[in-house]
Amino acid sequence: MSGDDTLLADYVGLRDPQHRRTLEGDEFFIAEGINVIERLLQSPYELRSVLVTKQRYERMESLLSTVACPVYIASRDVLAQVAGFDLHRGAVASAHRGPAPALDSVLHTARTIAVLEGLNDPENLGAIARSARALGVDALLLDPTCADPFYRRTVRVSMGEILFLPVVRSRDWSTDLQRLTDADFRMLALTPSATATSIHDIRRAPDDRVALLLGAEGPGLSERSLARSQRVRIPLRTDADSLNVGHAAAIAFALLATPQ
């Protein structure tokens, strides 16, 4: 195959977020790496195609022999030409996004929801999704300014676990936060503020429904979101400023959520 082959159009310019958002829209996303593609194949998402080097195909042959989509084999140089960088993992796949879940469906079934405001770093979002899936969070609710949850780096950092979580993108943030409250979710806002309640003092009853609010690195949660919630903090050493939001989320999930 050559780098200008139209069959590889899904994979052009993988390092350009703006180009990828325009190209992918709400139609498809990219999974990168053998482990992530394995998780993709176990998920409910339908594949469009797979692109691999010959060496990676030999390693994945038994796995890829079962897929119904096209599997393209190209040299590492062709992959680099198409992707725009040396794709050393040597394996990428394209999959349909499918319809996004509605908040109503999540509110009926979830006990623990991670509510993300302003999370514009795809790697932090991926790390949060990976911890959420492992530690018993049932769904993610993203505000309109959050990064694309199906951006390649987000899916990769989540190790494909975001593909097993309902991810709801809010269109009206204030209304959706109120809907959580109306559905009897206990709103807990994670903040480094010294006046917040220690997360170790939070007691969760078996029938409690919890929405844990997390903000972006630096600005944190908006005052509007904080005002709707009980403020909780992870106690830190006095000479430590804060935790990365992905690390803080994992600690909070481990203390508040319930793995099934």
C-alpha atoms as a PDB file:
ATOM      1  CA  MET A   1       0.000   0.000   0.000  1.00  0.00           C
ATOM      2  CA  SER A   2       1.065   3.613  -0.501  1.00  0.00           C
ATOM      3  CA  GLY A   3       0.659   6.575   1.817  1.00  0.00           C
ATOM      4  CA  ASP A   4      -1.839   8.304  -0.478  1.00  0.00           C
ATOM      5  CA  ASP A   5      -4.155   5.301  -0.744  1.00  0.00           C
ATOM      6  CA  THR A   6      -7.718   6.509  -0.117  1.00  0.00           C
ATOM      7  CA  LEU A   7      -8.441   3.292   1.785  1.00  0.00           C
ATOM      8  CA  LEU A   8      -6.308   4.714   4.595  1.00  0.00           C
ATOM      9  CA  ALA A   9      -8.170   8.029   4.836  1.00  0.00           C
ATOM     10  CA  ASP A  10      -9.349   7.302   8.397  1.00  0.00           C
ATOM     11  CA  TYR A  11      -5.746   7.373   9.622  1.00  0.00           C
ATOM     12  CA  VAL A  12      -4.417  10.604   8.075  1.00  0.00           C
ATOM     13  CA  GLY A  13      -2.805  13.155  10.397  1.00  0.00           C
ATOM     14  CA  LEU A  14      -3.241  11.367  13.704  1.00  0.00           C
ATOM     15  CA  ARG A  15      -1.265  14.006  15.625  1.00  0.00           C
ATOM     16  CA  ASP A  16      -3.394  16.965  14.544  1.00  0.00           C
ATOM     17  CA  PRO A  17      -6.318  17.287  17.012  1.00  0.00           C
ATOM     18  CA  GLN A  18      -8.168  19.905  14.979  1.00  0.00           C
ATOM     19  CA  HIS A  19      -7.870  17.872  11.777  1.00  0.00           C
ATOM     20  CA  ARG A  20      -8.923  14.703  13.596  1.00  0.00           C
ATOM     21  CA  ARG A  21     -11.999  16.361  15.117  1.00  0.00           C
ATOM     22  CA  THR A  22     -13.049  17.609  11.675  1.00  0.00           C
ATOM     23  CA  LEU A  23     -12.337  14.269  10.009  1.00  0.00           C
ATOM     24  CA  GLU A  24     -13.859  12.012  12.643  1.00  0.00           C
ATOM     25  CA  GLY A  25     -16.770  14.188  13.742  1.00  0.00           C
ATOM     26  CA  ASP A  26     -19.209  11.992  15.622  1.00  0.00           C
ATOM     27  CA  GLU A  27     -18.752   9.186  13.090  1.00  0.00           C
ATOM     28  CA  PHE A  28     -15.650   7.211  14.102  1.00  0.00           C
ATOM     29  CA  PHE A  29     -12.582   7.088  16.349  1.00  0.00           C
ATOM     30  CA  ILE A  30      -9.101   5.579  16.345  1.00  0.00           C
ATOM     31  CA  ALA A  31      -7.695   2.923  18.673  1.00  0.00           C
ATOM     32  CA  GLU A  32      -3.900   2.615  18.820  1.00  0.00           C
ATOM     33  CA  GLY A  33      -1.773  -0.308  19.966  1.00  0.00           C
ATOM     34  CA  ILE A  34      -2.295  -4.045  20.274  1.00  0.00           C
ATOM     35  CA  ASN A  35      -3.728  -4.017  23.802  1.00  0.00           C
ATOM     36  CA  VAL A  36      -6.190  -1.240  23.042  1.00  0.00           C
ATOM     37  CA  ILE A  37      -7.331  -2.935  19.821  1.00  0.00           C
ATOM     38  CA  GLU A  38      -7.877  -6.153  21.771  1.00  0.00           C
ATOM     39  CA  ARG A  39     -10.158  -4.256  24.146  1.00  0.00           C
ATOM     40  CA  LEU A  40     -11.902  -2.614  21.193  1.00  0.00           C
ATOM     41  CA  LEU A  41     -12.696  -6.046  19.767  1.00  0.00           C
ATOM     42  CA  GLN A  42     -14.298  -7.002  23.099  1.00  0.00           C
ATOM     43  CA  SER A  43     -16.328  -3.781  23.267  1.00  0.00           C
ATOM     44  CA  PRO A  44     -19.713  -3.035  21.654  1.00  0.00           C
ATOM     45  CA  TYR A  45     -18.131  -0.731  19.045  1.00  0.00           C
ATOM     46  CA  GLU A  46     -18.165  -1.821  15.400  1.00  0.00           C
ATOM     47  CA  LEU A  47     -14.856  -1.783  13.530  1.00  0.00           C
ATOM     48  CA  ARG A  48     -14.418   0.031  10.220  1.00  0.00           C
ATOM     49  CA  SER A  49     -10.880  -1.179   9.446  1.00  0.00           C
ATOM     50  CA  VAL A  50      -7.517  -2.142  10.925  1.00  0.00           C
ATOM     51  CA  LEU A  51      -4.095  -0.949   9.742  1.00  0.00           C
ATOM     52  CA  VAL A  52      -0.984  -2.850  10.818  1.00  0.00           C
ATOM     53  CA  THR A  53       2.591  -3.535   9.834  1.00  0.00           C
ATOM     54  CA  LYS A  54       3.475  -7.040   8.682  1.00  0.00           C
ATOM     55  CA  GLN A  55       5.229  -7.756  11.983  1.00  0.00           C
ATOM     56  CA  ARG A  56       2.218  -6.674  14.021  1.00  0.00           C
ATOM     57  CA  TYR A  57      -0.124  -8.653  11.791  1.00  0.00           C
ATOM     58  CA  GLU A  58       1.877 -11.803  12.447  1.00  0.00           C
ATOM     59  CA  ARG A  59       1.504 -11.231  16.169  1.00  0.00           C
ATOM     60  CA  MET A  60      -2.224 -10.424  15.893  1.00  0.00           C
ATOM     61  CA  GLU A  61      -3.194 -12.854  13.123  1.00  0.00           C
ATOM     62  CA  SER A  62      -5.335 -15.130  15.268  1.00  0.00           C
ATOM     63  CA  LEU A  63      -7.156 -12.115  16.683  1.00  0.00           C
ATOM     64  CA  LEU A  64      -7.653 -10.340  13.362  1.00  0.00           C
ATOM     65  CA  SER A  65      -8.754 -13.461  11.525  1.00  0.00           C
ATOM     66  CA  THR A  66     -12.130 -13.140  13.269  1.00  0.00           C
ATOM     67  CA  VAL A  67     -12.938  -9.531  12.298  1.00  0.00           C
ATOM     68  CA  ALA A  68     -15.392  -8.713   9.532  1.00  0.00           C
ATOM     69  CA  CYS A  69     -13.803  -5.393   8.556  1.00  0.00           C
ATOM     70  CA  PRO A  70     -10.887  -4.850   6.126  1.00  0.00           C
ATOM     71  CA  VAL A  71      -7.398  -5.409   7.550  1.00  0.00           C
ATOM     72  CA  TYR A  72      -4.737  -3.367   5.737  1.00  0.00           C
ATOM     73  CA  ILE A  73      -1.062  -4.350   5.943  1.00  0.00           C
ATOM     74  CA  ALA A  74       1.518  -1.671   5.175  1.00  0.00           C
ATOM     75  CA  SER A  75       5.146  -0.912   5.882  1.00  0.00           C
ATOM     76  CA  ARG A  76       6.178   1.146   8.894  1.00  0.00           C
ATOM     77  CA  ASP A  77       7.216   3.948   6.525  1.00  0.00           C
ATOM     78  CA  VAL A  78       3.735   4.044   4.991  1.00  0.00           C
ATOM     79  CA  LEU A  79       2.149   4.136   8.450  1.00  0.00           C
ATOM     80  CA  ALA A  80       4.406   7.056   9.366  1.00  0.00           C
ATOM     81  CA  GLN A  81       3.559   8.877   6.143  1.00  0.00           C
ATOM     82  CA  VAL A  82      -0.177   8.479   6.715  1.00  0.00           C
ATOM     83  CA  ALA A  83      -0.205   9.155  10.466  1.00  0.00           C
ATOM     84  CA  GLY A  84       2.279  12.031  10.310  1.00  0.00           C
ATOM     85  CA  PHE A  85       4.750  10.481  12.778  1.00  0.00           C
ATOM     86  CA  ASP A  86       6.563   7.211  13.430  1.00  0.00           C
ATOM     87  CA  LEU A  87       3.720   5.017  14.629  1.00  0.00           C
ATOM     88  CA  HIS A  88       6.034   2.642  16.465  1.00  0.00           C
ATOM     89  CA  ARG A  89       3.176   0.613  17.933  1.00  0.00           C
ATOM     90  CA  GLY A  90       2.501  -0.514  14.376  1.00  0.00           C
ATOM     91  CA  ALA A  91      -1.228  -1.113  14.828  1.00  0.00           C
ATOM     92  CA  VAL A  92      -4.250   1.169  14.627  1.00  0.00           C
ATOM     93  CA  ALA A  93      -7.937   0.531  14.115  1.00  0.00           C
ATOM     94  CA  SER A  94     -10.915   2.660  13.170  1.00  0.00           C
ATOM     95  CA  ALA A  95     -14.346   2.075  14.722  1.00  0.00           C
ATOM     96  CA  HIS A  96     -17.805   3.601  14.512  1.00  0.00           C
ATOM     97  CA  ARG A  97     -18.732   5.789  17.481  1.00  0.00           C
ATOM     98  CA  GLY A  98     -22.397   4.899  17.416  1.00  0.00           C
ATOM     99  CA  PRO A  99     -25.122   6.920  19.157  1.00  0.00           C
ATOM    100  CA  ALA A 100     -24.112   8.657  22.389  1.00  0.00           C
ATOM    101  CA  PRO A 101     -26.004   7.556  25.503  1.00  0.00           C
ATOM    102  CA  ALA A 102     -28.571   9.928  26.940  1.00  0.00           C
ATOM    103  CA  LEU A 103     -28.297  11.192  30.483  1.00  0.00           C
ATOM    104  CA  ASP A 104     -31.754   9.775  31.232  1.00  0.00           C
ATOM    105  CA  SER A 105     -30.549   6.222  30.617  1.00  0.00           C
ATOM    106  CA  VAL A 106     -27.574   6.740  32.932  1.00  0.00           C
ATOM    107  CA  LEU A 107     -29.675   8.265  35.697  1.00  0.00           C
ATOM    108  CA  HIS A 108     -31.904   5.190  35.765  1.00  0.00           C
ATOM    109  CA  THR A 109     -29.081   2.710  36.362  1.00  0.00           C
ATOM    110  CA  ALA A 110     -25.915   4.383  37.722  1.00  0.00           C
ATOM    111  CA  ARG A 111     -24.971   4.563  41.398  1.00  0.00           C
ATOM    112  CA  THR A 112     -21.683   6.425  40.915  1.00  0.00           C
ATOM    113  CA  ILE A 113     -21.035   9.022  38.207  1.00  0.00           C
ATOM    114  CA  ALA A 114     -17.805  10.934  37.569  1.00  0.00           C
ATOM    115  CA  VAL A 115     -18.745  14.472  36.542  1.00  0.00           C
ATOM    116  CA  LEU A 116     -15.947  16.208  34.632  1.00  0.00           C
ATOM    117  CA  GLU A 117     -15.791  19.965  34.082  1.00  0.00           C
ATOM    118  CA  GLY A 118     -13.236  21.609  31.792  1.00  0.00           C
ATOM    119  CA  LEU A 119     -11.076  18.501  31.408  1.00  0.00           C
ATOM    120  CA  ASN A 120      -9.289  19.552  28.212  1.00  0.00           C
ATOM    121  CA  ASP A 121      -6.209  17.323  28.523  1.00  0.00           C
ATOM    122  CA  PRO A 122      -6.883  14.054  26.651  1.00  0.00           C
ATOM    123  CA  GLU A 123      -4.355  12.094  28.705  1.00  0.00           C
ATOM    124  CA  ASN A 124      -5.893  13.163  32.017  1.00  0.00           C
ATOM    125  CA  LEU A 125      -9.303  12.248  30.642  1.00  0.00           C
ATOM    126  CA  GLY A 126      -7.996   8.845  29.562  1.00  0.00           C
ATOM    127  CA  ALA A 127      -6.406   8.201  32.957  1.00  0.00           C
ATOM    128  CA  ILE A 128      -9.650   9.111  34.730  1.00  0.00           C
ATOM    129  CA  ALA A 129     -11.640   6.798  32.470  1.00  0.00           C
ATOM    130  CA  ARG A 130      -9.240   3.915  33.143  1.00  0.00           C
ATOM    131  CA  SER A 131      -9.529   4.358  36.918  1.00  0.00           C
ATOM    132  CA  ALA A 132     -13.282   4.879  36.726  1.00  0.00           C
ATOM    133  CA  ARG A 133     -13.786   1.624  34.869  1.00  0.00           C
ATOM    134  CA  ALA A 134     -11.535  -0.325  37.253  1.00  0.00           C
ATOM    135  CA  LEU A 135     -12.834   1.127  40.511  1.00  0.00           C
ATOM    136  CA  GLY A 136     -16.597   0.948  40.134  1.00  0.00           C
ATOM    137  CA  VAL A 137     -17.708   4.212  38.527  1.00  0.00           C
ATOM    138  CA  ASP A 138     -20.739   3.548  36.337  1.00  0.00           C
ATOM    139  CA  ALA A 139     -20.606   6.460  33.880  1.00  0.00           C
ATOM    140  CA  LEU A 140     -18.891   9.718  32.927  1.00  0.00           C
ATOM    141  CA  LEU A 141     -20.709  13.014  32.455  1.00  0.00           C
ATOM    142  CA  LEU A 142     -18.639  15.604  30.546  1.00  0.00           C
ATOM    143  CA  ASP A 143     -19.350  19.301  30.316  1.00  0.00           C
ATOM    144  CA  PRO A 144     -19.368  20.959  26.848  1.00  0.00           C
ATOM    145  CA  THR A 145     -15.736  22.131  27.189  1.00  0.00           C
ATOM    146  CA  CYS A 146     -14.147  18.741  27.957  1.00  0.00           C
ATOM    147  CA  ALA A 147     -11.812  17.082  25.470  1.00  0.00           C
ATOM    148  CA  ASP A 148     -13.159  14.558  22.993  1.00  0.00           C
ATOM    149  CA  PRO A 149     -13.481  11.315  25.007  1.00  0.00           C
ATOM    150  CA  PHE A 150     -12.771   9.281  21.864  1.00  0.00           C
ATOM    151  CA  TYR A 151      -9.657  11.153  20.773  1.00  0.00           C
ATOM    152  CA  ARG A 152      -6.855   8.668  20.001  1.00  0.00           C
ATOM    153  CA  ARG A 153      -4.679   9.625  22.976  1.00  0.00           C
ATOM    154  CA  THR A 154      -7.627   9.479  25.371  1.00  0.00           C
ATOM    155  CA  VAL A 155      -8.594   5.983  24.228  1.00  0.00           C
ATOM    156  CA  ARG A 156      -4.951   4.860  24.355  1.00  0.00           C
ATOM    157  CA  VAL A 157      -4.249   6.192  27.867  1.00  0.00           C
ATOM    158  CA  SER A 158      -7.474   4.604  29.103  1.00  0.00           C
ATOM    159  CA  MET A 159      -6.149   1.287  27.711  1.00  0.00           C
ATOM    160  CA  GLY A 160      -9.474   0.998  25.911  1.00  0.00           C
ATOM    161  CA  GLU A 161     -11.480   1.012  29.152  1.00  0.00           C
ATOM    162  CA  ILE A 162     -13.393   4.134  28.133  1.00  0.00           C
ATOM    163  CA  LEU A 163     -15.070   1.914  25.535  1.00  0.00           C
ATOM    164  CA  PHE A 164     -16.847   0.082  28.352  1.00  0.00           C
ATOM    165  CA  LEU A 165     -18.237   3.175  30.123  1.00  0.00           C
ATOM    166  CA  PRO A 166     -21.319   5.191  29.176  1.00  0.00           C
ATOM    167  CA  VAL A 167     -19.966   8.652  28.316  1.00  0.00           C
ATOM    168  CA  VAL A 168     -22.545  11.440  28.248  1.00  0.00           C
ATOM    169  CA  ARG A 169     -21.666  14.825  26.760  1.00  0.00           C
ATOM    170  CA  SER A 170     -23.727  17.584  28.340  1.00  0.00           C
ATOM    171  CA  ARG A 171     -25.257  20.302  26.180  1.00  0.00           C
ATOM    172  CA  ASP A 172     -26.721  22.307  29.071  1.00  0.00           C
ATOM    173  CA  TRP A 173     -24.379  22.025  32.064  1.00  0.00           C
ATOM    174  CA  SER A 174     -26.474  23.839  34.648  1.00  0.00           C
ATOM    175  CA  THR A 175     -29.585  21.858  33.761  1.00  0.00           C
ATOM    176  CA  ASP A 176     -27.767  18.532  33.824  1.00  0.00           C
ATOM    177  CA  LEU A 177     -26.219  19.218  37.228  1.00  0.00           C
ATOM    178  CA  GLN A 178     -29.701  19.993  38.510  1.00  0.00           C
ATOM    179  CA  ARG A 179     -30.953  16.728  37.022  1.00  0.00           C
ATOM    180  CA  LEU A 180     -28.343  14.848  39.038  1.00  0.00           C
ATOM    181  CA  THR A 181     -29.580  16.552  42.189  1.00  0.00           C
ATOM    182  CA  ASP A 182     -33.206  15.830  41.290  1.00  0.00           C
ATOM    183  CA  ALA A 183     -32.278  12.150  40.806  1.00  0.00           C
ATOM    184  CA  ASP A 184     -31.008  12.067  44.408  1.00  0.00           C
ATOM    185  CA  PHE A 185     -27.316  11.987  43.611  1.00  0.00           C
ATOM    186  CA  ARG A 186     -25.119  13.192  46.448  1.00  0.00           C
ATOM    187  CA  MET A 187     -22.973  15.884  44.827  1.00  0.00           C
ATOM    188  CA  LEU A 188     -19.348  15.768  46.022  1.00  0.00           C
ATOM    189  CA  ALA A 189     -16.898  18.293  44.567  1.00  0.00           C
ATOM    190  CA  LEU A 190     -13.203  17.429  44.820  1.00  0.00           C
ATOM    191  CA  THR A 191     -11.105  20.483  45.688  1.00  0.00           C
ATOM    192  CA  PRO A 192      -7.737  21.143  47.376  1.00  0.00           C
ATOM    193  CA  SER A 193      -9.335  23.794  49.616  1.00  0.00           C
ATOM    194  CA  ALA A 194      -8.221  23.435  53.244  1.00  0.00           C
ATOM    195  CA  THR A 195     -11.770  24.194  54.402  1.00  0.00           C
ATOM    196  CA  ALA A 196     -13.280  21.239  52.528  1.00  0.00           C
ATOM    197  CA  THR A 197     -14.297  18.037  54.318  1.00  0.00           C
ATOM    198  CA  SER A 198     -11.664  15.308  54.308  1.00  0.00           C
ATOM    199  CA  ILE A 199     -12.684  12.554  51.927  1.00  0.00           C
ATOM    200  CA  HIS A 200     -11.847  10.090  54.707  1.00  0.00           C
ATOM    201  CA  ASP A 201     -14.741  11.525  56.711  1.00  0.00           C
ATOM    202  CA  ILE A 202     -17.295  10.887  53.960  1.00  0.00           C
ATOM    203  CA  ARG A 203     -19.537   7.933  54.777  1.00  0.00           C
ATOM    204  CA  ARG A 204     -21.507   6.366  51.988  1.00  0.00           C
ATOM    205  CA  ALA A 205     -24.618   4.360  52.781  1.00  0.00           C
ATOM    206  CA  PRO A 206     -25.348   1.281  50.620  1.00  0.00           C
ATOM    207  CA  ASP A 207     -28.200   3.051  48.823  1.00  0.00           C
ATOM    208  CA  ASP A 208     -26.395   6.384  48.344  1.00  0.00           C
ATOM    209  CA  ARG A 209     -26.055   7.624  44.774  1.00  0.00           C
ATOM    210  CA  VAL A 210     -22.898   9.696  44.335  1.00  0.00           C
ATOM    211  CA  ALA A 211     -21.794  12.187  41.678  1.00  0.00           C
ATOM    212  CA  LEU A 212     -18.118  13.095  42.079  1.00  0.00           C
ATOM    213  CA  LEU A 213     -17.222  16.400  40.421  1.00  0.00           C
ATOM    214  CA  LEU A 214     -13.694  16.908  39.095  1.00  0.00           C
ATOM    215  CA  GLY A 215     -12.230  20.016  37.474  1.00  0.00           C
ATOM    216  CA  ALA A 216      -9.302  20.712  35.194  1.00  0.00           C
ATOM    217  CA  GLU A 217      -5.685  21.149  36.247  1.00  0.00           C
ATOM    218  CA  GLY A 218      -5.162  24.701  37.474  1.00  0.00           C
ATOM    219  CA  PRO A 219      -8.610  26.315  37.462  1.00  0.00           C
ATOM    220  CA  GLY A 220     -10.406  23.415  39.108  1.00  0.00           C
ATOM    221  CA  LEU A 221     -14.186  23.466  39.383  1.00  0.00           C
ATOM    222  CA  SER A 222     -16.233  26.579  38.716  1.00  0.00           C
ATOM    223  CA  GLU A 223     -17.847  28.399  41.624  1.00  0.00           C
ATOM    224  CA  ARG A 224     -21.213  27.519  40.113  1.00  0.00           C
ATOM    225  CA  SER A 225     -20.465  23.798  40.347  1.00  0.00           C
ATOM    226  CA  LEU A 226     -18.898  24.081  43.786  1.00  0.00           C
ATOM    227  CA  ALA A 227     -21.990  25.893  45.070  1.00  0.00           C
ATOM    228  CA  ARG A 228     -24.160  22.911  44.136  1.00  0.00           C
ATOM    229  CA  SER A 229     -21.978  20.389  45.969  1.00  0.00           C
ATOM    230  CA  GLN A 230     -20.409  19.355  49.226  1.00  0.00           C
ATOM    231  CA  ARG A 231     -16.707  20.200  48.986  1.00  0.00           C
ATOM    232  CA  VAL A 232     -14.331  17.352  49.762  1.00  0.00           C
ATOM    233  CA  ARG A 233     -10.539  17.165  49.731  1.00  0.00           C
ATOM    234  CA  ILE A 234      -7.813  14.559  49.788  1.00  0.00           C
ATOM    235  CA  PRO A 235      -5.562  15.465  52.752  1.00  0.00           C
ATOM    236  CA  LEU A 236      -2.010  16.268  51.614  1.00  0.00           C
ATOM    237  CA  ARG A 237       1.244  17.134  53.323  1.00  0.00           C
ATOM    238  CA  THR A 238       1.302  20.831  54.164  1.00  0.00           C
ATOM    239  CA  ASP A 239       4.271  21.464  51.859  1.00  0.00           C
ATOM    240  CA  ALA A 240       2.610  19.741  48.860  1.00  0.00           C
ATOM    241  CA  ASP A 241       0.496  21.912  46.575  1.00  0.00           C
ATOM    242  CA  SER A 242      -1.867  19.451  44.888  1.00  0.00           C
ATOM    243  CA  LEU A 243      -2.276  16.185  43.006  1.00  0.00           C
ATOM    244  CA  ASN A 244      -2.661  15.581  39.291  1.00  0.00           C
ATOM    245  CA  VAL A 245      -6.390  15.328  38.609  1.00  0.00           C
ATOM    246  CA  GLY A 246      -6.011  11.785  37.270  1.00  0.00           C
ATOM    247  CA  HIS A 247      -4.290  10.645  40.467  1.00  0.00           C
ATOM    248  CA  ALA A 248      -6.796  12.478  42.655  1.00  0.00           C
ATOM    249  CA  ALA A 249      -9.676  10.877  40.761  1.00  0.00           C
ATOM    250  CA  ALA A 250      -8.264   7.376  41.276  1.00  0.00           C
ATOM    251  CA  ILE A 251      -7.933   7.952  45.039  1.00  0.00           C
ATOM    252  CA  ALA A 252     -11.475   9.310  45.274  1.00  0.00           C
ATOM    253  CA  PHE A 253     -12.914   6.479  43.185  1.00  0.00           C
ATOM    254  CA  ALA A 254     -11.167   3.886  45.361  1.00  0.00           C
ATOM    255  CA  LEU A 255     -12.631   5.460  48.520  1.00  0.00           C
ATOM    256  CA  LEU A 256     -16.132   6.198  47.245  1.00  0.00           C
ATOM    257  CA  ALA A 257     -17.052   3.825  44.438  1.00  0.00           C
ATOM    258  CA  THR A 258     -17.744   0.088  44.590  1.00  0.00           C
ATOM    259  CA  PRO A 259     -16.185  -2.300  42.052  1.00  0.00           C
ATOM    260  CA  GLN A 260     -18.611  -5.004  40.953  1.00  0.00           C
END
